[in-house]
Amino acid sequence: MKVSIDLDKCAGHARCFATSPELFEIDDGGYALNAEISVPEEDEAVARDAVAACPERAIETH
């Protein structure tokens, strides 16, 4: 699975990182640093939780 983050939509809430710090890398302001993330099979459920946690709907899985 891949996760895409629209960095223009990211508002720095850092909920993705709070949900899954092992997958998401953020800066000191809480903004996502990577637009594309490869998700290991064992982390797919937590990646989906991070998508649901984003209030800006800046994260998608595919």
Protein backbone atom coordinates (compact mmCIF):
# COMPACT_ATOMS: atom_id res chain seq x y z
CA MET A 1 0.00 0.00 0.00
CA LYS A 2 1.06 3.58 -0.62
CA VAL A 3 0.02 6.71 1.22
CA SER A 4 -0.09 10.06 -0.54
CA ILE A 5 -0.13 13.34 1.33
CA ASP A 6 -1.20 16.55 -0.36
CA LEU A 7 1.38 18.83 1.22
CA ASP A 8 -0.59 21.91 0.13
CA LYS A 9 -3.61 20.71 2.15
CA CYS A 10 -1.58 19.71 5.22
CA ALA A 11 -2.34 22.20 8.01
CA GLY A 12 0.11 20.88 10.59
CA HIS A 13 -2.33 19.19 12.96
CA ALA A 14 0.09 16.21 13.21
CA ARG A 15 -2.74 13.75 13.78
CA CYS A 16 -1.17 11.37 11.25
CA PHE A 17 2.02 11.35 13.32
CA ALA A 18 0.06 10.93 16.56
CA THR A 19 -1.71 7.94 15.01
CA SER A 20 1.36 6.38 13.43
CA PRO A 21 4.74 7.95 14.28
CA GLU A 22 6.56 5.02 12.67
CA LEU A 23 5.09 5.91 9.25
CA PHE A 24 4.84 9.69 9.17
CA GLU A 25 7.66 12.20 9.38
CA ILE A 26 6.76 15.76 10.38
CA ASP A 27 8.61 19.01 10.92
CA ASP A 28 8.66 21.03 14.14
CA GLY A 29 5.43 22.76 13.10
CA GLY A 30 3.57 19.47 12.64
CA TYR A 31 3.59 19.53 8.84
CA ALA A 32 4.17 16.33 6.87
CA LEU A 33 7.56 16.13 5.18
CA ASN A 34 6.94 13.32 2.68
CA ALA A 35 4.29 13.31 -0.05
CA GLU A 36 4.56 9.56 -0.70
CA ILE A 37 5.02 6.78 1.83
CA SER A 38 5.29 3.04 1.24
CA VAL A 39 3.38 1.23 3.96
CA PRO A 40 4.37 -2.28 5.04
CA GLU A 41 1.50 -4.76 5.06
CA GLU A 42 1.55 -5.01 8.86
CA ASP A 43 0.98 -1.22 9.16
CA GLU A 44 -1.91 -0.89 6.69
CA ALA A 45 -4.60 -0.68 9.38
CA VAL A 46 -2.82 2.09 11.25
CA ALA A 47 -2.25 3.95 7.95
CA ARG A 48 -6.01 3.87 7.36
CA ASP A 49 -6.52 5.24 10.88
CA ALA A 50 -4.18 8.12 10.03
CA VAL A 51 -6.17 8.87 6.87
CA ALA A 52 -9.35 9.03 8.94
CA ALA A 53 -7.68 11.25 11.57
CA CYS A 54 -6.65 13.98 9.13
CA PRO A 55 -9.12 16.88 9.46
CA GLU A 56 -7.94 18.39 6.18
CA ARG A 57 -8.41 15.10 4.25
CA ALA A 58 -4.88 15.57 2.94
CA ILE A 59 -3.99 11.88 3.12
CA GLU A 60 -5.07 9.09 0.78
CA THR A 61 -4.22 5.41 0.49
CA HIS A 62 -3.86 3.50 -2.76
